[in-house]
Amino acid sequence: MTTPTLILQGERDTFGNRTELEEYSLSDRVTLTFIPDGDHSFKPRKASGYTEPQNRQLAADKIAAFIKEVCQ
């Protein structure tokens, strides 16, 4: 893969949780960022101490930073 790529993934995503994804061999062009205690929609469990709005803001911040870095 030659195109810079950002993957935002909930740590508990049923389509690939943190443990599973950390075992993948990804291109150096891929940035993999985990959203704390998030499921596929980044929604955390109440007991985690994280909120869905916090996780969505984190995702937006990571996207903005990635775009800024790639477009320099």
Protein backbone atom coordinates (compact mmCIF):
# COMPACT_ATOMS: atom_id res chain seq x y z
CA MET A 1 0.00 0.00 0.00
CA THR A 2 1.41 3.39 -0.94
CA THR A 3 -1.45 5.72 -0.01
CA PRO A 4 -1.40 7.07 3.55
CA THR A 5 -4.30 5.45 5.37
CA LEU A 6 -5.86 6.05 8.76
CA ILE A 7 -7.79 3.30 10.49
CA LEU A 8 -9.84 4.26 13.54
CA GLN A 9 -10.93 1.18 15.41
CA GLY A 10 -12.85 0.69 18.63
CA GLU A 11 -10.86 -1.41 21.09
CA ARG A 12 -13.88 -3.75 21.45
CA ASP A 13 -15.06 -3.71 17.82
CA THR A 14 -16.58 -7.09 16.99
CA PHE A 15 -15.22 -6.75 13.43
CA GLY A 16 -11.69 -6.66 14.84
CA ASN A 17 -10.75 -5.79 18.39
CA ARG A 18 -7.42 -4.39 19.55
CA THR A 19 -5.89 -7.80 20.28
CA GLU A 20 -6.77 -9.11 16.81
CA LEU A 21 -5.66 -6.04 14.89
CA GLU A 22 -2.34 -5.66 16.67
CA GLU A 23 -1.39 -9.07 15.23
CA TYR A 24 -1.86 -7.86 11.63
CA SER A 25 1.12 -6.98 9.51
CA LEU A 26 0.17 -3.60 8.05
CA SER A 27 1.97 -1.34 5.61
CA ASP A 28 4.12 1.43 7.05
CA ARG A 29 1.67 3.80 5.33
CA VAL A 30 -1.16 2.67 7.63
CA THR A 31 -1.80 4.50 10.89
CA LEU A 32 -3.90 2.39 13.25
CA THR A 33 -5.53 4.28 16.11
CA PHE A 34 -7.69 2.67 18.77
CA ILE A 35 -10.66 4.39 20.35
CA PRO A 36 -10.77 3.63 24.10
CA ASP A 37 -13.25 0.90 25.06
CA GLY A 38 -15.19 1.64 21.88
CA ASP A 39 -17.32 -0.80 19.95
CA HIS A 40 -17.84 -0.56 16.16
CA SER A 41 -19.58 2.82 16.58
CA PHE A 42 -16.97 3.92 19.17
CA LYS A 43 -19.56 3.63 21.95
CA PRO A 44 -17.84 2.65 25.24
CA ARG A 45 -19.34 0.79 28.16
CA LYS A 46 -20.66 3.09 30.91
CA ALA A 47 -18.33 1.58 33.50
CA SER A 48 -15.26 2.40 31.38
CA GLY A 49 -15.24 6.07 32.31
CA TYR A 50 -15.28 7.10 28.63
CA THR A 51 -18.27 8.61 26.86
CA GLU A 52 -19.42 8.30 23.27
CA PRO A 53 -19.08 12.08 22.68
CA GLN A 54 -15.49 11.95 24.01
CA ASN A 55 -14.67 9.04 21.73
CA ARG A 56 -16.22 10.76 18.71
CA GLN A 57 -14.25 13.92 19.48
CA LEU A 58 -11.07 11.87 19.78
CA ALA A 59 -11.83 10.29 16.39
CA ALA A 60 -12.42 13.73 14.83
CA ASP A 61 -9.18 15.06 16.34
CA LYS A 62 -7.22 12.07 15.02
CA ILE A 63 -8.71 12.53 11.54
CA ALA A 64 -7.86 16.24 11.51
CA ALA A 65 -4.29 15.59 12.67
CA PHE A 66 -3.86 12.86 10.06
CA ILE A 67 -5.09 15.08 7.24
CA LYS A 68 -2.86 17.92 8.37
CA GLU A 69 0.18 15.60 8.47
CA VAL A 70 -0.52 14.02 5.09
CA CYS A 71 -1.18 17.34 3.34
CA GLN A 72 2.08 19.00 4.41
